[in-house]
Amino acid sequence: MSMARNKLESITSELARWRGWVQAGFLLAWLDPWMLRMHTVCSPVFHCYSCPMATFACPIGVLANFSALHLFPFAVVGLLVVLGAIFSSFVCGWACPFGFLQDLIAKIPTPKFALPAWMGAGRYIVLAVFVLAIPYWYGEASPLFFCRLCPAGAIEAALPNTIQQAIKGNPLVWPTATKLIILAVFLVAAFFTWRPWCTVICPLGAIYGLFNHVSFFFLRFHAKRCGGCSECRSLCVDGGRSEHRVDGLRCVRCMECTKCHAVSVSTILTTDNTPNKLNIQG
């Protein structure tokens, strides 16, 4: 079992260096290069189905629309529970195209700052209010219906469709002012803080984050390996020490912290009696 664990740690720590290529590979699946248009099938990632190049439906859009219809989306909920129970927020860090966009923006050399951890609660407010409650009580026509506010819908669907109409010479239908303002705020924030949408607003990330404590694959902090060098603090793009972050609701499992030997990817089949938290000063 020890040899298998060491092999898994070696593979995953090396895999972290290739995350961008893995994200790009998943992007090809979501952007429908084969023009399959399977919009009756839901993907596990945040990606607007109205995008001219969207293979699958967006799970959050499906949840909001089913809530407006007063129906329970068994297939979508089942998909999210199964993937959450296996991978948790690894889906966010490795497969989500909207997360990939933010990672690309983050590579631009601008001053970066970490947002307070308590702001992560905003994701659950968005999920409860704008995805479930408002659609349920006011329907799809409400100006506060989630899809009418979503910046992913603006950048992936509304703007490309407007450009297509302009090329064809048709009358232009611009996104609403509210949607454009939200998109502008999001884009500006993405230059100065890591994944602002994922860590503060994303309702899908809120769902996957709930599984960070209980999924089959998870991050483990090995207290006995830690020498107090704070390397994990510099590696964590979300800010903070990894002994406090590996099981956090906002962690998207980017695995940057696994470059520190005190943090590794583990499974529920491996055992480790060392505590997950370590009180290090500084």
Protein backbone atom coordinates (compact mmCIF):
# COMPACT_ATOMS: atom_id res chain seq x y z
CA MET A 1 0.00 0.00 0.00
CA SER A 2 2.90 2.34 0.81
CA MET A 3 4.49 1.74 -2.59
CA ALA A 4 1.19 2.41 -4.34
CA ARG A 5 0.75 5.63 -2.36
CA ASN A 6 4.25 6.82 -3.20
CA LYS A 7 3.68 6.07 -6.89
CA LEU A 8 0.39 8.01 -6.86
CA GLU A 9 2.10 10.99 -5.20
CA SER A 10 4.90 10.92 -7.77
CA ILE A 11 2.48 10.82 -10.69
CA THR A 12 0.17 13.55 -9.38
CA SER A 13 2.97 15.94 -8.44
CA GLU A 14 4.33 15.64 -11.97
CA LEU A 15 0.84 15.91 -13.47
CA ALA A 16 0.36 19.29 -11.81
CA ARG A 17 2.96 20.74 -14.20
CA TRP A 18 0.76 19.72 -17.15
CA ARG A 19 -2.54 21.10 -15.88
CA GLY A 20 -2.79 23.75 -18.59
CA TRP A 21 -2.54 21.13 -21.32
CA VAL A 22 -5.16 18.97 -19.61
CA GLN A 23 -7.48 21.99 -19.43
CA ALA A 24 -6.87 22.70 -23.12
CA GLY A 25 -7.73 19.08 -23.94
CA PHE A 26 -11.03 19.30 -22.08
CA LEU A 27 -11.71 22.60 -23.83
CA LEU A 28 -11.82 20.76 -27.15
CA ALA A 29 -14.58 18.52 -25.78
CA TRP A 30 -16.68 21.41 -24.49
CA LEU A 31 -16.22 23.60 -27.60
CA ASP A 32 -17.70 20.99 -29.94
CA PRO A 33 -15.13 20.83 -32.77
CA TRP A 34 -17.19 18.03 -34.37
CA MET A 35 -20.43 20.07 -34.32
CA LEU A 36 -22.32 17.43 -32.34
CA ARG A 37 -24.56 19.87 -30.42
CA MET A 38 -25.73 17.44 -27.73
CA HIS A 39 -27.62 20.07 -25.75
CA THR A 40 -29.97 17.49 -24.28
CA VAL A 41 -26.97 16.08 -22.40
CA CYS A 42 -25.56 17.99 -19.46
CA SER A 43 -21.84 18.56 -19.01
CA PRO A 44 -20.21 18.63 -15.56
CA VAL A 45 -18.63 22.08 -16.09
CA PHE A 46 -19.66 25.73 -16.21
CA HIS A 47 -20.10 26.49 -19.91
CA CYS A 48 -23.04 28.29 -21.53
CA TYR A 49 -25.01 26.03 -23.89
CA SER A 50 -25.98 29.09 -25.96
CA CYS A 51 -22.35 29.46 -27.00
CA PRO A 52 -22.08 28.89 -30.79
CA MET A 53 -19.49 26.21 -29.95
CA ALA A 54 -21.04 24.38 -26.99
CA THR A 55 -21.32 20.61 -27.08
CA PHE A 56 -23.43 20.07 -23.98
CA ALA A 57 -25.87 21.89 -21.72
CA CYS A 58 -24.66 23.80 -18.64
CA PRO A 59 -25.62 22.12 -15.33
CA ILE A 60 -26.38 25.44 -13.65
CA GLY A 61 -28.55 26.55 -16.55
CA VAL A 62 -30.44 23.26 -16.34
CA LEU A 63 -30.92 23.63 -12.57
CA ALA A 64 -32.28 27.17 -13.02
CA ASN A 65 -34.63 26.19 -15.85
CA PHE A 66 -35.94 23.13 -14.03
CA SER A 67 -36.50 25.25 -10.93
CA ALA A 68 -38.55 27.66 -13.06
CA LEU A 69 -40.59 24.69 -14.29
CA HIS A 70 -40.99 23.34 -10.73
CA LEU A 71 -39.35 20.08 -11.75
CA PHE A 72 -36.54 18.14 -10.10
CA PRO A 73 -33.55 17.55 -12.44
CA PHE A 74 -32.69 13.99 -11.40
CA ALA A 75 -30.14 13.42 -14.18
CA VAL A 76 -28.18 16.61 -13.47
CA VAL A 77 -28.20 16.19 -9.71
CA GLY A 78 -27.13 12.57 -10.12
CA LEU A 79 -24.27 13.60 -12.44
CA LEU A 80 -23.01 16.26 -10.03
CA VAL A 81 -23.27 13.98 -6.99
CA VAL A 82 -21.40 11.12 -8.68
CA LEU A 83 -18.60 13.33 -10.04
CA GLY A 84 -18.45 15.31 -6.81
CA ALA A 85 -18.15 12.14 -4.75
CA ILE A 86 -15.28 10.93 -6.93
CA PHE A 87 -13.37 14.07 -7.90
CA SER A 88 -14.87 16.98 -5.90
CA SER A 89 -13.37 20.30 -7.04
CA PHE A 90 -10.80 18.61 -9.26
CA VAL A 91 -13.46 19.16 -11.94
CA CYS A 92 -13.14 22.92 -11.39
CA GLY A 93 -9.37 23.00 -11.45
CA TRP A 94 -8.81 20.67 -14.38
CA ALA A 95 -11.84 20.53 -16.68
CA CYS A 96 -13.84 23.77 -16.46
CA PRO A 97 -13.43 26.06 -19.51
CA PHE A 98 -14.46 29.17 -17.59
CA GLY A 99 -11.86 28.40 -14.95
CA PHE A 100 -9.30 27.89 -17.72
CA LEU A 101 -10.10 31.35 -19.08
CA GLN A 102 -9.41 32.86 -15.67
CA ASP A 103 -6.16 30.91 -15.36
CA LEU A 104 -5.01 32.34 -18.70
CA ILE A 105 -5.87 35.89 -17.59
CA ALA A 106 -3.98 35.29 -14.32
CA LYS A 107 -0.78 34.67 -16.29
CA ILE A 108 -0.73 38.35 -17.29
CA PRO A 109 1.82 40.03 -14.97
CA THR A 110 -0.33 42.37 -12.87
CA PRO A 111 -0.36 42.89 -9.09
CA LYS A 112 -2.34 40.06 -7.47
CA PHE A 113 -4.14 39.94 -4.13
CA ALA A 114 -6.07 37.22 -2.33
CA LEU A 115 -9.72 37.70 -1.46
CA PRO A 116 -10.88 36.98 2.11
CA ALA A 117 -11.97 33.38 2.66
CA TRP A 118 -15.40 34.43 3.95
CA MET A 119 -16.28 35.75 0.48
CA GLY A 120 -16.55 32.14 -0.67
CA ALA A 121 -19.97 32.06 1.00
CA GLY A 122 -21.21 34.20 -1.88
CA ARG A 123 -21.29 31.10 -4.08
CA TYR A 124 -23.93 29.49 -1.87
CA ILE A 125 -26.00 32.66 -1.85
CA VAL A 126 -25.92 32.75 -5.66
CA LEU A 127 -26.87 29.06 -5.83
CA ALA A 128 -29.75 29.36 -3.37
CA VAL A 129 -31.13 32.71 -4.54
CA PHE A 130 -30.39 33.25 -8.24
CA VAL A 131 -30.27 29.63 -9.44
CA LEU A 132 -33.03 28.08 -7.33
CA ALA A 133 -35.28 30.54 -5.46
CA ILE A 134 -35.82 33.34 -7.99
CA PRO A 135 -36.44 30.97 -10.93
CA TYR A 136 -38.84 28.95 -8.76
CA TRP A 137 -40.89 31.94 -7.62
CA TYR A 138 -40.61 34.32 -10.59
CA GLY A 139 -39.79 32.11 -13.56
CA GLU A 140 -37.36 32.47 -16.43
CA ALA A 141 -38.65 35.94 -17.35
CA SER A 142 -37.27 37.50 -14.17
CA PRO A 143 -34.40 39.97 -14.81
CA LEU A 144 -32.63 38.26 -11.88
CA PHE A 145 -32.84 34.81 -13.47
CA PHE A 146 -29.28 33.47 -13.24
CA CYS A 147 -28.67 33.03 -16.97
CA ARG A 148 -29.65 36.66 -17.57
CA LEU A 149 -26.78 37.78 -15.31
CA CYS A 150 -24.12 35.17 -16.05
CA PRO A 151 -20.80 36.54 -17.40
CA ALA A 152 -20.07 33.16 -19.01
CA GLY A 153 -23.25 33.59 -21.04
CA ALA A 154 -22.15 37.10 -22.00
CA ILE A 155 -18.64 36.23 -23.14
CA GLU A 156 -19.38 32.80 -24.62
CA ALA A 157 -22.81 33.37 -26.13
CA ALA A 158 -24.17 36.93 -26.22
CA LEU A 159 -21.07 38.65 -27.61
CA PRO A 160 -20.25 35.96 -30.23
CA ASN A 161 -23.87 35.96 -31.37
CA THR A 162 -23.82 39.75 -31.65
CA ILE A 163 -20.66 39.54 -33.77
CA GLN A 164 -22.29 36.90 -35.98
CA GLN A 165 -25.30 39.15 -36.52
CA ALA A 166 -23.02 42.07 -37.39
CA ILE A 167 -21.16 39.98 -39.97
CA LYS A 168 -24.46 38.93 -41.54
CA GLY A 169 -25.67 42.52 -41.58
CA ASN A 170 -28.64 41.77 -39.33
CA PRO A 171 -29.92 44.15 -36.62
CA LEU A 172 -27.76 43.86 -33.51
CA VAL A 173 -29.17 42.58 -30.24
CA TRP A 174 -26.78 43.59 -27.47
CA PRO A 175 -26.60 41.94 -24.04
CA THR A 176 -28.35 43.85 -21.29
CA ALA A 177 -26.47 46.63 -19.51
CA THR A 178 -26.55 44.60 -16.28
CA LYS A 179 -24.95 41.61 -17.96
CA LEU A 180 -22.24 43.75 -19.58
CA ILE A 181 -21.45 45.47 -16.26
CA ILE A 182 -21.13 42.11 -14.48
CA LEU A 183 -18.88 40.85 -17.28
CA ALA A 184 -16.69 43.98 -17.09
CA VAL A 185 -16.34 43.71 -13.30
CA PHE A 186 -15.46 40.03 -13.57
CA LEU A 187 -12.83 40.59 -16.29
CA VAL A 188 -11.17 43.45 -14.40
CA ALA A 189 -11.13 41.39 -11.18
CA ALA A 190 -9.58 38.41 -13.00
CA PHE A 191 -6.48 40.52 -13.74
CA PHE A 192 -5.86 41.22 -10.06
CA THR A 193 -7.06 38.19 -8.13
CA TRP A 194 -6.97 34.49 -8.90
CA ARG A 195 -10.24 33.01 -10.26
CA PRO A 196 -12.64 35.59 -8.79
CA TRP A 197 -15.65 33.88 -10.33
CA CYS A 198 -14.73 30.41 -9.03
CA THR A 199 -13.86 31.45 -5.50
CA VAL A 200 -16.60 34.03 -4.84
CA ILE A 201 -19.61 33.55 -7.13
CA CYS A 202 -19.70 30.23 -9.03
CA PRO A 203 -22.71 28.14 -7.93
CA LEU A 204 -21.29 25.02 -9.57
CA GLY A 205 -18.07 25.43 -7.60
CA ALA A 206 -20.22 25.72 -4.48
CA ILE A 207 -21.68 22.29 -5.18
CA TYR A 208 -18.34 20.62 -5.89
CA GLY A 209 -16.77 22.34 -2.89
CA LEU A 210 -19.16 20.50 -0.57
CA PHE A 211 -17.46 17.26 -1.61
CA ASN A 212 -13.91 18.40 -0.85
CA HIS A 213 -14.08 16.63 2.53
CA VAL A 214 -15.65 13.40 1.35
CA SER A 215 -14.57 12.63 -2.23
CA PHE A 216 -12.69 9.52 -3.33
CA PHE A 217 -9.72 11.62 -4.49
CA PHE A 218 -8.64 14.44 -2.20
CA LEU A 219 -5.62 16.48 -1.10
CA ARG A 220 -3.83 15.43 2.07
CA PHE A 221 -1.50 17.53 4.18
CA HIS A 222 1.18 15.39 5.88
CA ALA A 223 2.07 17.16 9.10
CA LYS A 224 5.08 14.93 9.81
CA ARG A 225 6.68 15.92 6.52
CA CYS A 226 6.33 19.65 7.13
CA GLY A 227 9.46 21.53 8.13
CA GLY A 228 7.77 24.92 8.51
CA CYS A 229 9.36 26.36 5.35
CA SER A 230 6.05 27.93 4.20
CA GLU A 231 6.64 26.66 0.66
CA CYS A 232 3.01 25.63 0.46
CA ARG A 233 2.04 29.23 1.24
CA SER A 234 3.86 30.50 -1.83
CA LEU A 235 2.52 27.68 -4.00
CA CYS A 236 -1.16 28.14 -3.09
CA VAL A 237 -2.52 30.51 -5.73
CA ASP A 238 -5.59 31.14 -3.59
CA GLY A 239 -3.40 32.51 -0.80
CA GLY A 240 -2.57 30.91 2.52
CA ARG A 241 -0.88 27.80 3.84
CA SER A 242 -1.86 24.47 2.37
CA GLU A 243 -2.39 22.85 5.75
CA HIS A 244 -5.36 25.18 6.04
CA ARG A 245 -6.44 25.08 2.40
CA VAL A 246 -6.33 21.46 1.22
CA ASP A 247 -9.79 20.72 2.62
CA GLY A 248 -11.26 24.20 2.14
CA LEU A 249 -14.53 24.76 0.31
CA ARG A 250 -12.88 27.26 -2.07
CA CYS A 251 -10.00 24.99 -3.09
CA VAL A 252 -10.31 24.05 -6.80
CA ARG A 253 -7.67 21.31 -6.59
CA CYS A 254 -5.22 22.96 -8.99
CA MET A 255 -2.58 20.81 -7.22
CA GLU A 256 0.09 23.53 -7.25
CA CYS A 257 0.60 22.81 -3.56
CA THR A 258 1.56 19.19 -4.33
CA LYS A 259 4.92 20.52 -5.52
CA CYS A 260 5.61 20.74 -1.79
CA HIS A 261 6.43 17.29 -0.40
CA ALA A 262 4.12 17.86 2.57
CA VAL A 263 1.00 17.85 0.35
CA SER A 264 -0.17 15.04 -1.90
CA VAL A 265 -3.18 13.66 -3.71
CA SER A 266 -4.65 10.74 -1.81
CA THR A 267 -7.66 8.44 -1.93
CA ILE A 268 -10.03 7.05 0.68
CA LEU A 269 -8.30 3.69 0.20
CA THR A 270 -5.02 4.98 1.66
CA THR A 271 -4.48 5.47 5.37
CA ASP A 272 -2.56 8.18 7.17
CA ASN A 273 -2.80 8.68 10.90
CA THR A 274 -1.10 12.07 10.92
CA PRO A 275 -3.33 15.08 11.55
CA ASN A 276 -4.31 17.20 8.55
CA LYS A 277 -3.76 20.52 10.32
CA LEU A 278 -0.53 21.87 11.76
CA ASN A 279 -0.14 24.99 13.83
CA ILE A 280 2.75 26.88 12.21
CA GLN A 281 3.43 30.43 13.24
CA GLY A 282 3.85 33.13 10.61
